[in-house]
Amino acid sequence: YRPRLPGGELAPMPWPVSLYRILNH
């Protein structure tokens, strides 16, 4: 899952959350 803003564009995520998304399936 990649969070999106109400307009449909990808939401910015801080680097720890991005790393969390990548490393922890």
PDBML (XML) file of the C-alpha atoms, coordinates in Angstrom:
<?xml version="1.0" encoding="UTF-8" ?>
<PDBx:datablock datablockName="MODEL"
   xmlns:PDBx="http://pdbml.pdb.org/schema/pdbx-v50.xsd"
   xmlns:xsi="http://www.w3.org/2001/XMLSchema-instance"
   xsi:schemaLocation="http://pdbml.pdb.org/schema/pdbx-v50.xsd pdbx-v50.xsd">
   <PDBx:atom_siteCategory>
      <PDBx:atom_site id="1">
         <PDBx:B_iso_or_equiv>0.00</PDBx:B_iso_or_equiv>
         <PDBx:Cartn_x>0.000</PDBx:Cartn_x>
         <PDBx:Cartn_y>0.000</PDBx:Cartn_y>
         <PDBx:Cartn_z>0.000</PDBx:Cartn_z>
         <PDBx:auth_asym_id>A</PDBx:auth_asym_id>
         <PDBx:auth_atom_id>CA</PDBx:auth_atom_id>
         <PDBx:auth_comp_id>TYR</PDBx:auth_comp_id>
         <PDBx:auth_seq_id>1</PDBx:auth_seq_id>
         <PDBx:group_PDB>ATOM</PDBx:group_PDB>
         <PDBx:label_alt_id xsi:nil="true" />
         <PDBx:label_asym_id>A</PDBx:label_asym_id>
         <PDBx:label_atom_id>CA</PDBx:label_atom_id>
         <PDBx:label_comp_id>TYR</PDBx:label_comp_id>
         <PDBx:label_entity_id>1</PDBx:label_entity_id>
         <PDBx:label_seq_id>1</PDBx:label_seq_id>
         <PDBx:occupancy>1.00</PDBx:occupancy>
         <PDBx:pdbx_PDB_model_num>1</PDBx:pdbx_PDB_model_num>
         <PDBx:type_symbol>C</PDBx:type_symbol>
      </PDBx:atom_site>
      <PDBx:atom_site id="2">
         <PDBx:B_iso_or_equiv>0.00</PDBx:B_iso_or_equiv>
         <PDBx:Cartn_x>1.171</PDBx:Cartn_x>
         <PDBx:Cartn_y>3.487</PDBx:Cartn_y>
         <PDBx:Cartn_z>-0.932</PDBx:Cartn_z>
         <PDBx:auth_asym_id>A</PDBx:auth_asym_id>
         <PDBx:auth_atom_id>CA</PDBx:auth_atom_id>
         <PDBx:auth_comp_id>ARG</PDBx:auth_comp_id>
         <PDBx:auth_seq_id>2</PDBx:auth_seq_id>
         <PDBx:group_PDB>ATOM</PDBx:group_PDB>
         <PDBx:label_alt_id xsi:nil="true" />
         <PDBx:label_asym_id>A</PDBx:label_asym_id>
         <PDBx:label_atom_id>CA</PDBx:label_atom_id>
         <PDBx:label_comp_id>ARG</PDBx:label_comp_id>
         <PDBx:label_entity_id>1</PDBx:label_entity_id>
         <PDBx:label_seq_id>2</PDBx:label_seq_id>
         <PDBx:occupancy>1.00</PDBx:occupancy>
         <PDBx:pdbx_PDB_model_num>1</PDBx:pdbx_PDB_model_num>
         <PDBx:type_symbol>C</PDBx:type_symbol>
      </PDBx:atom_site>
      <PDBx:atom_site id="3">
         <PDBx:B_iso_or_equiv>0.00</PDBx:B_iso_or_equiv>
         <PDBx:Cartn_x>-0.846</PDBx:Cartn_x>
         <PDBx:Cartn_y>6.284</PDBx:Cartn_y>
         <PDBx:Cartn_z>0.722</PDBx:Cartn_z>
         <PDBx:auth_asym_id>A</PDBx:auth_asym_id>
         <PDBx:auth_atom_id>CA</PDBx:auth_atom_id>
         <PDBx:auth_comp_id>PRO</PDBx:auth_comp_id>
         <PDBx:auth_seq_id>3</PDBx:auth_seq_id>
         <PDBx:group_PDB>ATOM</PDBx:group_PDB>
         <PDBx:label_alt_id xsi:nil="true" />
         <PDBx:label_asym_id>A</PDBx:label_asym_id>
         <PDBx:label_atom_id>CA</PDBx:label_atom_id>
         <PDBx:label_comp_id>PRO</PDBx:label_comp_id>
         <PDBx:label_entity_id>1</PDBx:label_entity_id>
         <PDBx:label_seq_id>3</PDBx:label_seq_id>
         <PDBx:occupancy>1.00</PDBx:occupancy>
         <PDBx:pdbx_PDB_model_num>1</PDBx:pdbx_PDB_model_num>
         <PDBx:type_symbol>C</PDBx:type_symbol>
      </PDBx:atom_site>
      <PDBx:atom_site id="4">
         <PDBx:B_iso_or_equiv>0.00</PDBx:B_iso_or_equiv>
         <PDBx:Cartn_x>-2.432</PDBx:Cartn_x>
         <PDBx:Cartn_y>8.899</PDBx:Cartn_y>
         <PDBx:Cartn_z>-1.535</PDBx:Cartn_z>
         <PDBx:auth_asym_id>A</PDBx:auth_asym_id>
         <PDBx:auth_atom_id>CA</PDBx:auth_atom_id>
         <PDBx:auth_comp_id>ARG</PDBx:auth_comp_id>
         <PDBx:auth_seq_id>4</PDBx:auth_seq_id>
         <PDBx:group_PDB>ATOM</PDBx:group_PDB>
         <PDBx:label_alt_id xsi:nil="true" />
         <PDBx:label_asym_id>A</PDBx:label_asym_id>
         <PDBx:label_atom_id>CA</PDBx:label_atom_id>
         <PDBx:label_comp_id>ARG</PDBx:label_comp_id>
         <PDBx:label_entity_id>1</PDBx:label_entity_id>
         <PDBx:label_seq_id>4</PDBx:label_seq_id>
         <PDBx:occupancy>1.00</PDBx:occupancy>
         <PDBx:pdbx_PDB_model_num>1</PDBx:pdbx_PDB_model_num>
         <PDBx:type_symbol>C</PDBx:type_symbol>
      </PDBx:atom_site>
      <PDBx:atom_site id="5">
         <PDBx:B_iso_or_equiv>0.00</PDBx:B_iso_or_equiv>
         <PDBx:Cartn_x>-3.787</PDBx:Cartn_x>
         <PDBx:Cartn_y>12.386</PDBx:Cartn_y>
         <PDBx:Cartn_z>-0.930</PDBx:Cartn_z>
         <PDBx:auth_asym_id>A</PDBx:auth_asym_id>
         <PDBx:auth_atom_id>CA</PDBx:auth_atom_id>
         <PDBx:auth_comp_id>LEU</PDBx:auth_comp_id>
         <PDBx:auth_seq_id>5</PDBx:auth_seq_id>
         <PDBx:group_PDB>ATOM</PDBx:group_PDB>
         <PDBx:label_alt_id xsi:nil="true" />
         <PDBx:label_asym_id>A</PDBx:label_asym_id>
         <PDBx:label_atom_id>CA</PDBx:label_atom_id>
         <PDBx:label_comp_id>LEU</PDBx:label_comp_id>
         <PDBx:label_entity_id>1</PDBx:label_entity_id>
         <PDBx:label_seq_id>5</PDBx:label_seq_id>
         <PDBx:occupancy>1.00</PDBx:occupancy>
         <PDBx:pdbx_PDB_model_num>1</PDBx:pdbx_PDB_model_num>
         <PDBx:type_symbol>C</PDBx:type_symbol>
      </PDBx:atom_site>
      <PDBx:atom_site id="6">
         <PDBx:B_iso_or_equiv>0.00</PDBx:B_iso_or_equiv>
         <PDBx:Cartn_x>-7.435</PDBx:Cartn_x>
         <PDBx:Cartn_y>13.303</PDBx:Cartn_y>
         <PDBx:Cartn_z>-1.715</PDBx:Cartn_z>
         <PDBx:auth_asym_id>A</PDBx:auth_asym_id>
         <PDBx:auth_atom_id>CA</PDBx:auth_atom_id>
         <PDBx:auth_comp_id>PRO</PDBx:auth_comp_id>
         <PDBx:auth_seq_id>6</PDBx:auth_seq_id>
         <PDBx:group_PDB>ATOM</PDBx:group_PDB>
         <PDBx:label_alt_id xsi:nil="true" />
         <PDBx:label_asym_id>A</PDBx:label_asym_id>
         <PDBx:label_atom_id>CA</PDBx:label_atom_id>
         <PDBx:label_comp_id>PRO</PDBx:label_comp_id>
         <PDBx:label_entity_id>1</PDBx:label_entity_id>
         <PDBx:label_seq_id>6</PDBx:label_seq_id>
         <PDBx:occupancy>1.00</PDBx:occupancy>
         <PDBx:pdbx_PDB_model_num>1</PDBx:pdbx_PDB_model_num>
         <PDBx:type_symbol>C</PDBx:type_symbol>
      </PDBx:atom_site>
      <PDBx:atom_site id="7">
         <PDBx:B_iso_or_equiv>0.00</PDBx:B_iso_or_equiv>
         <PDBx:Cartn_x>-6.377</PDBx:Cartn_x>
         <PDBx:Cartn_y>14.498</PDBx:Cartn_y>
         <PDBx:Cartn_z>-5.175</PDBx:Cartn_z>
         <PDBx:auth_asym_id>A</PDBx:auth_asym_id>
         <PDBx:auth_atom_id>CA</PDBx:auth_atom_id>
         <PDBx:auth_comp_id>GLY</PDBx:auth_comp_id>
         <PDBx:auth_seq_id>7</PDBx:auth_seq_id>
         <PDBx:group_PDB>ATOM</PDBx:group_PDB>
         <PDBx:label_alt_id xsi:nil="true" />
         <PDBx:label_asym_id>A</PDBx:label_asym_id>
         <PDBx:label_atom_id>CA</PDBx:label_atom_id>
         <PDBx:label_comp_id>GLY</PDBx:label_comp_id>
         <PDBx:label_entity_id>1</PDBx:label_entity_id>
         <PDBx:label_seq_id>7</PDBx:label_seq_id>
         <PDBx:occupancy>1.00</PDBx:occupancy>
         <PDBx:pdbx_PDB_model_num>1</PDBx:pdbx_PDB_model_num>
         <PDBx:type_symbol>C</PDBx:type_symbol>
      </PDBx:atom_site>
      <PDBx:atom_site id="8">
         <PDBx:B_iso_or_equiv>0.00</PDBx:B_iso_or_equiv>
         <PDBx:Cartn_x>-4.956</PDBx:Cartn_x>
         <PDBx:Cartn_y>11.073</PDBx:Cartn_y>
         <PDBx:Cartn_z>-6.033</PDBx:Cartn_z>
         <PDBx:auth_asym_id>A</PDBx:auth_asym_id>
         <PDBx:auth_atom_id>CA</PDBx:auth_atom_id>
         <PDBx:auth_comp_id>GLY</PDBx:auth_comp_id>
         <PDBx:auth_seq_id>8</PDBx:auth_seq_id>
         <PDBx:group_PDB>ATOM</PDBx:group_PDB>
         <PDBx:label_alt_id xsi:nil="true" />
         <PDBx:label_asym_id>A</PDBx:label_asym_id>
         <PDBx:label_atom_id>CA</PDBx:label_atom_id>
         <PDBx:label_comp_id>GLY</PDBx:label_comp_id>
         <PDBx:label_entity_id>1</PDBx:label_entity_id>
         <PDBx:label_seq_id>8</PDBx:label_seq_id>
         <PDBx:occupancy>1.00</PDBx:occupancy>
         <PDBx:pdbx_PDB_model_num>1</PDBx:pdbx_PDB_model_num>
         <PDBx:type_symbol>C</PDBx:type_symbol>
      </PDBx:atom_site>
      <PDBx:atom_site id="9">
         <PDBx:B_iso_or_equiv>0.00</PDBx:B_iso_or_equiv>
         <PDBx:Cartn_x>-1.268</PDBx:Cartn_x>
         <PDBx:Cartn_y>12.027</PDBx:Cartn_y>
         <PDBx:Cartn_z>-5.906</PDBx:Cartn_z>
         <PDBx:auth_asym_id>A</PDBx:auth_asym_id>
         <PDBx:auth_atom_id>CA</PDBx:auth_atom_id>
         <PDBx:auth_comp_id>GLU</PDBx:auth_comp_id>
         <PDBx:auth_seq_id>9</PDBx:auth_seq_id>
         <PDBx:group_PDB>ATOM</PDBx:group_PDB>
         <PDBx:label_alt_id xsi:nil="true" />
         <PDBx:label_asym_id>A</PDBx:label_asym_id>
         <PDBx:label_atom_id>CA</PDBx:label_atom_id>
         <PDBx:label_comp_id>GLU</PDBx:label_comp_id>
         <PDBx:label_entity_id>1</PDBx:label_entity_id>
         <PDBx:label_seq_id>9</PDBx:label_seq_id>
         <PDBx:occupancy>1.00</PDBx:occupancy>
         <PDBx:pdbx_PDB_model_num>1</PDBx:pdbx_PDB_model_num>
         <PDBx:type_symbol>C</PDBx:type_symbol>
      </PDBx:atom_site>
      <PDBx:atom_site id="10">
         <PDBx:B_iso_or_equiv>0.00</PDBx:B_iso_or_equiv>
         <PDBx:Cartn_x>1.147</PDBx:Cartn_x>
         <PDBx:Cartn_y>9.963</PDBx:Cartn_y>
         <PDBx:Cartn_z>-3.802</PDBx:Cartn_z>
         <PDBx:auth_asym_id>A</PDBx:auth_asym_id>
         <PDBx:auth_atom_id>CA</PDBx:auth_atom_id>
         <PDBx:auth_comp_id>LEU</PDBx:auth_comp_id>
         <PDBx:auth_seq_id>10</PDBx:auth_seq_id>
         <PDBx:group_PDB>ATOM</PDBx:group_PDB>
         <PDBx:label_alt_id xsi:nil="true" />
         <PDBx:label_asym_id>A</PDBx:label_asym_id>
         <PDBx:label_atom_id>CA</PDBx:label_atom_id>
         <PDBx:label_comp_id>LEU</PDBx:label_comp_id>
         <PDBx:label_entity_id>1</PDBx:label_entity_id>
         <PDBx:label_seq_id>10</PDBx:label_seq_id>
         <PDBx:occupancy>1.00</PDBx:occupancy>
         <PDBx:pdbx_PDB_model_num>1</PDBx:pdbx_PDB_model_num>
         <PDBx:type_symbol>C</PDBx:type_symbol>
      </PDBx:atom_site>
      <PDBx:atom_site id="11">
         <PDBx:B_iso_or_equiv>0.00</PDBx:B_iso_or_equiv>
         <PDBx:Cartn_x>1.407</PDBx:Cartn_x>
         <PDBx:Cartn_y>11.194</PDBx:Cartn_y>
         <PDBx:Cartn_z>-0.227</PDBx:Cartn_z>
         <PDBx:auth_asym_id>A</PDBx:auth_asym_id>
         <PDBx:auth_atom_id>CA</PDBx:auth_atom_id>
         <PDBx:auth_comp_id>ALA</PDBx:auth_comp_id>
         <PDBx:auth_seq_id>11</PDBx:auth_seq_id>
         <PDBx:group_PDB>ATOM</PDBx:group_PDB>
         <PDBx:label_alt_id xsi:nil="true" />
         <PDBx:label_asym_id>A</PDBx:label_asym_id>
         <PDBx:label_atom_id>CA</PDBx:label_atom_id>
         <PDBx:label_comp_id>ALA</PDBx:label_comp_id>
         <PDBx:label_entity_id>1</PDBx:label_entity_id>
         <PDBx:label_seq_id>11</PDBx:label_seq_id>
         <PDBx:occupancy>1.00</PDBx:occupancy>
         <PDBx:pdbx_PDB_model_num>1</PDBx:pdbx_PDB_model_num>
         <PDBx:type_symbol>C</PDBx:type_symbol>
      </PDBx:atom_site>
      <PDBx:atom_site id="12">
         <PDBx:B_iso_or_equiv>0.00</PDBx:B_iso_or_equiv>
         <PDBx:Cartn_x>4.866</PDBx:Cartn_x>
         <PDBx:Cartn_y>12.169</PDBx:Cartn_y>
         <PDBx:Cartn_z>1.027</PDBx:Cartn_z>
         <PDBx:auth_asym_id>A</PDBx:auth_asym_id>
         <PDBx:auth_atom_id>CA</PDBx:auth_atom_id>
         <PDBx:auth_comp_id>PRO</PDBx:auth_comp_id>
         <PDBx:auth_seq_id>12</PDBx:auth_seq_id>
         <PDBx:group_PDB>ATOM</PDBx:group_PDB>
         <PDBx:label_alt_id xsi:nil="true" />
         <PDBx:label_asym_id>A</PDBx:label_asym_id>
         <PDBx:label_atom_id>CA</PDBx:label_atom_id>
         <PDBx:label_comp_id>PRO</PDBx:label_comp_id>
         <PDBx:label_entity_id>1</PDBx:label_entity_id>
         <PDBx:label_seq_id>12</PDBx:label_seq_id>
         <PDBx:occupancy>1.00</PDBx:occupancy>
         <PDBx:pdbx_PDB_model_num>1</PDBx:pdbx_PDB_model_num>
         <PDBx:type_symbol>C</PDBx:type_symbol>
      </PDBx:atom_site>
      <PDBx:atom_site id="13">
         <PDBx:B_iso_or_equiv>0.00</PDBx:B_iso_or_equiv>
         <PDBx:Cartn_x>6.146</PDBx:Cartn_x>
         <PDBx:Cartn_y>9.756</PDBx:Cartn_y>
         <PDBx:Cartn_z>3.675</PDBx:Cartn_z>
         <PDBx:auth_asym_id>A</PDBx:auth_asym_id>
         <PDBx:auth_atom_id>CA</PDBx:auth_atom_id>
         <PDBx:auth_comp_id>MET</PDBx:auth_comp_id>
         <PDBx:auth_seq_id>13</PDBx:auth_seq_id>
         <PDBx:group_PDB>ATOM</PDBx:group_PDB>
         <PDBx:label_alt_id xsi:nil="true" />
         <PDBx:label_asym_id>A</PDBx:label_asym_id>
         <PDBx:label_atom_id>CA</PDBx:label_atom_id>
         <PDBx:label_comp_id>MET</PDBx:label_comp_id>
         <PDBx:label_entity_id>1</PDBx:label_entity_id>
         <PDBx:label_seq_id>13</PDBx:label_seq_id>
         <PDBx:occupancy>1.00</PDBx:occupancy>
         <PDBx:pdbx_PDB_model_num>1</PDBx:pdbx_PDB_model_num>
         <PDBx:type_symbol>C</PDBx:type_symbol>
      </PDBx:atom_site>
      <PDBx:atom_site id="14">
         <PDBx:B_iso_or_equiv>0.00</PDBx:B_iso_or_equiv>
         <PDBx:Cartn_x>9.041</PDBx:Cartn_x>
         <PDBx:Cartn_y>10.423</PDBx:Cartn_y>
         <PDBx:Cartn_z>6.072</PDBx:Cartn_z>
         <PDBx:auth_asym_id>A</PDBx:auth_asym_id>
         <PDBx:auth_atom_id>CA</PDBx:auth_atom_id>
         <PDBx:auth_comp_id>PRO</PDBx:auth_comp_id>
         <PDBx:auth_seq_id>14</PDBx:auth_seq_id>
         <PDBx:group_PDB>ATOM</PDBx:group_PDB>
         <PDBx:label_alt_id xsi:nil="true" />
         <PDBx:label_asym_id>A</PDBx:label_asym_id>
         <PDBx:label_atom_id>CA</PDBx:label_atom_id>
         <PDBx:label_comp_id>PRO</PDBx:label_comp_id>
         <PDBx:label_entity_id>1</PDBx:label_entity_id>
         <PDBx:label_seq_id>14</PDBx:label_seq_id>
         <PDBx:occupancy>1.00</PDBx:occupancy>
         <PDBx:pdbx_PDB_model_num>1</PDBx:pdbx_PDB_model_num>
         <PDBx:type_symbol>C</PDBx:type_symbol>
      </PDBx:atom_site>
      <PDBx:atom_site id="15">
         <PDBx:B_iso_or_equiv>0.00</PDBx:B_iso_or_equiv>
         <PDBx:Cartn_x>12.076</PDBx:Cartn_x>
         <PDBx:Cartn_y>8.217</PDBx:Cartn_y>
         <PDBx:Cartn_z>5.461</PDBx:Cartn_z>
         <PDBx:auth_asym_id>A</PDBx:auth_asym_id>
         <PDBx:auth_atom_id>CA</PDBx:auth_atom_id>
         <PDBx:auth_comp_id>TRP</PDBx:auth_comp_id>
         <PDBx:auth_seq_id>15</PDBx:auth_seq_id>
         <PDBx:group_PDB>ATOM</PDBx:group_PDB>
         <PDBx:label_alt_id xsi:nil="true" />
         <PDBx:label_asym_id>A</PDBx:label_asym_id>
         <PDBx:label_atom_id>CA</PDBx:label_atom_id>
         <PDBx:label_comp_id>TRP</PDBx:label_comp_id>
         <PDBx:label_entity_id>1</PDBx:label_entity_id>
         <PDBx:label_seq_id>15</PDBx:label_seq_id>
         <PDBx:occupancy>1.00</PDBx:occupancy>
         <PDBx:pdbx_PDB_model_num>1</PDBx:pdbx_PDB_model_num>
         <PDBx:type_symbol>C</PDBx:type_symbol>
      </PDBx:atom_site>
      <PDBx:atom_site id="16">
         <PDBx:B_iso_or_equiv>0.00</PDBx:B_iso_or_equiv>
         <PDBx:Cartn_x>11.517</PDBx:Cartn_x>
         <PDBx:Cartn_y>5.952</PDBx:Cartn_y>
         <PDBx:Cartn_z>8.538</PDBx:Cartn_z>
         <PDBx:auth_asym_id>A</PDBx:auth_asym_id>
         <PDBx:auth_atom_id>CA</PDBx:auth_atom_id>
         <PDBx:auth_comp_id>PRO</PDBx:auth_comp_id>
         <PDBx:auth_seq_id>16</PDBx:auth_seq_id>
         <PDBx:group_PDB>ATOM</PDBx:group_PDB>
         <PDBx:label_alt_id xsi:nil="true" />
         <PDBx:label_asym_id>A</PDBx:label_asym_id>
         <PDBx:label_atom_id>CA</PDBx:label_atom_id>
         <PDBx:label_comp_id>PRO</PDBx:label_comp_id>
         <PDBx:label_entity_id>1</PDBx:label_entity_id>
         <PDBx:label_seq_id>16</PDBx:label_seq_id>
         <PDBx:occupancy>1.00</PDBx:occupancy>
         <PDBx:pdbx_PDB_model_num>1</PDBx:pdbx_PDB_model_num>
         <PDBx:type_symbol>C</PDBx:type_symbol>
      </PDBx:atom_site>
      <PDBx:atom_site id="17">
         <PDBx:B_iso_or_equiv>0.00</PDBx:B_iso_or_equiv>
         <PDBx:Cartn_x>7.976</PDBx:Cartn_x>
         <PDBx:Cartn_y>5.142</PDBx:Cartn_y>
         <PDBx:Cartn_z>7.365</PDBx:Cartn_z>
         <PDBx:auth_asym_id>A</PDBx:auth_asym_id>
         <PDBx:auth_atom_id>CA</PDBx:auth_atom_id>
         <PDBx:auth_comp_id>VAL</PDBx:auth_comp_id>
         <PDBx:auth_seq_id>17</PDBx:auth_seq_id>
         <PDBx:group_PDB>ATOM</PDBx:group_PDB>
         <PDBx:label_alt_id xsi:nil="true" />
         <PDBx:label_asym_id>A</PDBx:label_asym_id>
         <PDBx:label_atom_id>CA</PDBx:label_atom_id>
         <PDBx:label_comp_id>VAL</PDBx:label_comp_id>
         <PDBx:label_entity_id>1</PDBx:label_entity_id>
         <PDBx:label_seq_id>17</PDBx:label_seq_id>
         <PDBx:occupancy>1.00</PDBx:occupancy>
         <PDBx:pdbx_PDB_model_num>1</PDBx:pdbx_PDB_model_num>
         <PDBx:type_symbol>C</PDBx:type_symbol>
      </PDBx:atom_site>
      <PDBx:atom_site id="18">
         <PDBx:B_iso_or_equiv>0.00</PDBx:B_iso_or_equiv>
         <PDBx:Cartn_x>9.203</PDBx:Cartn_x>
         <PDBx:Cartn_y>4.506</PDBx:Cartn_y>
         <PDBx:Cartn_z>3.807</PDBx:Cartn_z>
         <PDBx:auth_asym_id>A</PDBx:auth_asym_id>
         <PDBx:auth_atom_id>CA</PDBx:auth_atom_id>
         <PDBx:auth_comp_id>SER</PDBx:auth_comp_id>
         <PDBx:auth_seq_id>18</PDBx:auth_seq_id>
         <PDBx:group_PDB>ATOM</PDBx:group_PDB>
         <PDBx:label_alt_id xsi:nil="true" />
         <PDBx:label_asym_id>A</PDBx:label_asym_id>
         <PDBx:label_atom_id>CA</PDBx:label_atom_id>
         <PDBx:label_comp_id>SER</PDBx:label_comp_id>
         <PDBx:label_entity_id>1</PDBx:label_entity_id>
         <PDBx:label_seq_id>18</PDBx:label_seq_id>
         <PDBx:occupancy>1.00</PDBx:occupancy>
         <PDBx:pdbx_PDB_model_num>1</PDBx:pdbx_PDB_model_num>
         <PDBx:type_symbol>C</PDBx:type_symbol>
      </PDBx:atom_site>
      <PDBx:atom_site id="19">
         <PDBx:B_iso_or_equiv>0.00</PDBx:B_iso_or_equiv>
         <PDBx:Cartn_x>11.883</PDBx:Cartn_x>
         <PDBx:Cartn_y>2.163</PDBx:Cartn_y>
         <PDBx:Cartn_z>5.162</PDBx:Cartn_z>
         <PDBx:auth_asym_id>A</PDBx:auth_asym_id>
         <PDBx:auth_atom_id>CA</PDBx:auth_atom_id>
         <PDBx:auth_comp_id>LEU</PDBx:auth_comp_id>
         <PDBx:auth_seq_id>19</PDBx:auth_seq_id>
         <PDBx:group_PDB>ATOM</PDBx:group_PDB>
         <PDBx:label_alt_id xsi:nil="true" />
         <PDBx:label_asym_id>A</PDBx:label_asym_id>
         <PDBx:label_atom_id>CA</PDBx:label_atom_id>
         <PDBx:label_comp_id>LEU</PDBx:label_comp_id>
         <PDBx:label_entity_id>1</PDBx:label_entity_id>
         <PDBx:label_seq_id>19</PDBx:label_seq_id>
         <PDBx:occupancy>1.00</PDBx:occupancy>
         <PDBx:pdbx_PDB_model_num>1</PDBx:pdbx_PDB_model_num>
         <PDBx:type_symbol>C</PDBx:type_symbol>
      </PDBx:atom_site>
      <PDBx:atom_site id="20">
         <PDBx:B_iso_or_equiv>0.00</PDBx:B_iso_or_equiv>
         <PDBx:Cartn_x>9.244</PDBx:Cartn_x>
         <PDBx:Cartn_y>0.466</PDBx:Cartn_y>
         <PDBx:Cartn_z>7.334</PDBx:Cartn_z>
         <PDBx:auth_asym_id>A</PDBx:auth_asym_id>
         <PDBx:auth_atom_id>CA</PDBx:auth_atom_id>
         <PDBx:auth_comp_id>TYR</PDBx:auth_comp_id>
         <PDBx:auth_seq_id>20</PDBx:auth_seq_id>
         <PDBx:group_PDB>ATOM</PDBx:group_PDB>
         <PDBx:label_alt_id xsi:nil="true" />
         <PDBx:label_asym_id>A</PDBx:label_asym_id>
         <PDBx:label_atom_id>CA</PDBx:label_atom_id>
         <PDBx:label_comp_id>TYR</PDBx:label_comp_id>
         <PDBx:label_entity_id>1</PDBx:label_entity_id>
         <PDBx:label_seq_id>20</PDBx:label_seq_id>
         <PDBx:occupancy>1.00</PDBx:occupancy>
         <PDBx:pdbx_PDB_model_num>1</PDBx:pdbx_PDB_model_num>
         <PDBx:type_symbol>C</PDBx:type_symbol>
      </PDBx:atom_site>
      <PDBx:atom_site id="21">
         <PDBx:B_iso_or_equiv>0.00</PDBx:B_iso_or_equiv>
         <PDBx:Cartn_x>7.125</PDBx:Cartn_x>
         <PDBx:Cartn_y>-0.113</PDBx:Cartn_y>
         <PDBx:Cartn_z>4.227</PDBx:Cartn_z>
         <PDBx:auth_asym_id>A</PDBx:auth_asym_id>
         <PDBx:auth_atom_id>CA</PDBx:auth_atom_id>
         <PDBx:auth_comp_id>ARG</PDBx:auth_comp_id>
         <PDBx:auth_seq_id>21</PDBx:auth_seq_id>
         <PDBx:group_PDB>ATOM</PDBx:group_PDB>
         <PDBx:label_alt_id xsi:nil="true" />
         <PDBx:label_asym_id>A</PDBx:label_asym_id>
         <PDBx:label_atom_id>CA</PDBx:label_atom_id>
         <PDBx:label_comp_id>ARG</PDBx:label_comp_id>
         <PDBx:label_entity_id>1</PDBx:label_entity_id>
         <PDBx:label_seq_id>21</PDBx:label_seq_id>
         <PDBx:occupancy>1.00</PDBx:occupancy>
         <PDBx:pdbx_PDB_model_num>1</PDBx:pdbx_PDB_model_num>
         <PDBx:type_symbol>C</PDBx:type_symbol>
      </PDBx:atom_site>
      <PDBx:atom_site id="22">
         <PDBx:B_iso_or_equiv>0.00</PDBx:B_iso_or_equiv>
         <PDBx:Cartn_x>10.075</PDBx:Cartn_x>
         <PDBx:Cartn_y>-1.610</PDBx:Cartn_y>
         <PDBx:Cartn_z>2.316</PDBx:Cartn_z>
         <PDBx:auth_asym_id>A</PDBx:auth_asym_id>
         <PDBx:auth_atom_id>CA</PDBx:auth_atom_id>
         <PDBx:auth_comp_id>ILE</PDBx:auth_comp_id>
         <PDBx:auth_seq_id>22</PDBx:auth_seq_id>
         <PDBx:group_PDB>ATOM</PDBx:group_PDB>
         <PDBx:label_alt_id xsi:nil="true" />
         <PDBx:label_asym_id>A</PDBx:label_asym_id>
         <PDBx:label_atom_id>CA</PDBx:label_atom_id>
         <PDBx:label_comp_id>ILE</PDBx:label_comp_id>
         <PDBx:label_entity_id>1</PDBx:label_entity_id>
         <PDBx:label_seq_id>22</PDBx:label_seq_id>
         <PDBx:occupancy>1.00</PDBx:occupancy>
         <PDBx:pdbx_PDB_model_num>1</PDBx:pdbx_PDB_model_num>
         <PDBx:type_symbol>C</PDBx:type_symbol>
      </PDBx:atom_site>
      <PDBx:atom_site id="23">
         <PDBx:B_iso_or_equiv>0.00</PDBx:B_iso_or_equiv>
         <PDBx:Cartn_x>11.553</PDBx:Cartn_x>
         <PDBx:Cartn_y>-3.837</PDBx:Cartn_y>
         <PDBx:Cartn_z>5.039</PDBx:Cartn_z>
         <PDBx:auth_asym_id>A</PDBx:auth_asym_id>
         <PDBx:auth_atom_id>CA</PDBx:auth_atom_id>
         <PDBx:auth_comp_id>LEU</PDBx:auth_comp_id>
         <PDBx:auth_seq_id>23</PDBx:auth_seq_id>
         <PDBx:group_PDB>ATOM</PDBx:group_PDB>
         <PDBx:label_alt_id xsi:nil="true" />
         <PDBx:label_asym_id>A</PDBx:label_asym_id>
         <PDBx:label_atom_id>CA</PDBx:label_atom_id>
         <PDBx:label_comp_id>LEU</PDBx:label_comp_id>
         <PDBx:label_entity_id>1</PDBx:label_entity_id>
         <PDBx:label_seq_id>23</PDBx:label_seq_id>
         <PDBx:occupancy>1.00</PDBx:occupancy>
         <PDBx:pdbx_PDB_model_num>1</PDBx:pdbx_PDB_model_num>
         <PDBx:type_symbol>C</PDBx:type_symbol>
      </PDBx:atom_site>
      <PDBx:atom_site id="24">
         <PDBx:B_iso_or_equiv>0.00</PDBx:B_iso_or_equiv>
         <PDBx:Cartn_x>8.487</PDBx:Cartn_x>
         <PDBx:Cartn_y>-5.149</PDBx:Cartn_y>
         <PDBx:Cartn_z>6.851</PDBx:Cartn_z>
         <PDBx:auth_asym_id>A</PDBx:auth_asym_id>
         <PDBx:auth_atom_id>CA</PDBx:auth_atom_id>
         <PDBx:auth_comp_id>ASN</PDBx:auth_comp_id>
         <PDBx:auth_seq_id>24</PDBx:auth_seq_id>
         <PDBx:group_PDB>ATOM</PDBx:group_PDB>
         <PDBx:label_alt_id xsi:nil="true" />
         <PDBx:label_asym_id>A</PDBx:label_asym_id>
         <PDBx:label_atom_id>CA</PDBx:label_atom_id>
         <PDBx:label_comp_id>ASN</PDBx:label_comp_id>
         <PDBx:label_entity_id>1</PDBx:label_entity_id>
         <PDBx:label_seq_id>24</PDBx:label_seq_id>
         <PDBx:occupancy>1.00</PDBx:occupancy>
         <PDBx:pdbx_PDB_model_num>1</PDBx:pdbx_PDB_model_num>
         <PDBx:type_symbol>C</PDBx:type_symbol>
      </PDBx:atom_site>
      <PDBx:atom_site id="25">
         <PDBx:B_iso_or_equiv>0.00</PDBx:B_iso_or_equiv>
         <PDBx:Cartn_x>6.178</PDBx:Cartn_x>
         <PDBx:Cartn_y>-7.149</PDBx:Cartn_y>
         <PDBx:Cartn_z>4.592</PDBx:Cartn_z>
         <PDBx:auth_asym_id>A</PDBx:auth_asym_id>
         <PDBx:auth_atom_id>CA</PDBx:auth_atom_id>
         <PDBx:auth_comp_id>HIS</PDBx:auth_comp_id>
         <PDBx:auth_seq_id>25</PDBx:auth_seq_id>
         <PDBx:group_PDB>ATOM</PDBx:group_PDB>
         <PDBx:label_alt_id xsi:nil="true" />
         <PDBx:label_asym_id>A</PDBx:label_asym_id>
         <PDBx:label_atom_id>CA</PDBx:label_atom_id>
         <PDBx:label_comp_id>HIS</PDBx:label_comp_id>
         <PDBx:label_entity_id>1</PDBx:label_entity_id>
         <PDBx:label_seq_id>25</PDBx:label_seq_id>
         <PDBx:occupancy>1.00</PDBx:occupancy>
         <PDBx:pdbx_PDB_model_num>1</PDBx:pdbx_PDB_model_num>
         <PDBx:type_symbol>C</PDBx:type_symbol>
      </PDBx:atom_site>
   </PDBx:atom_siteCategory>
</PDBx:datablock>
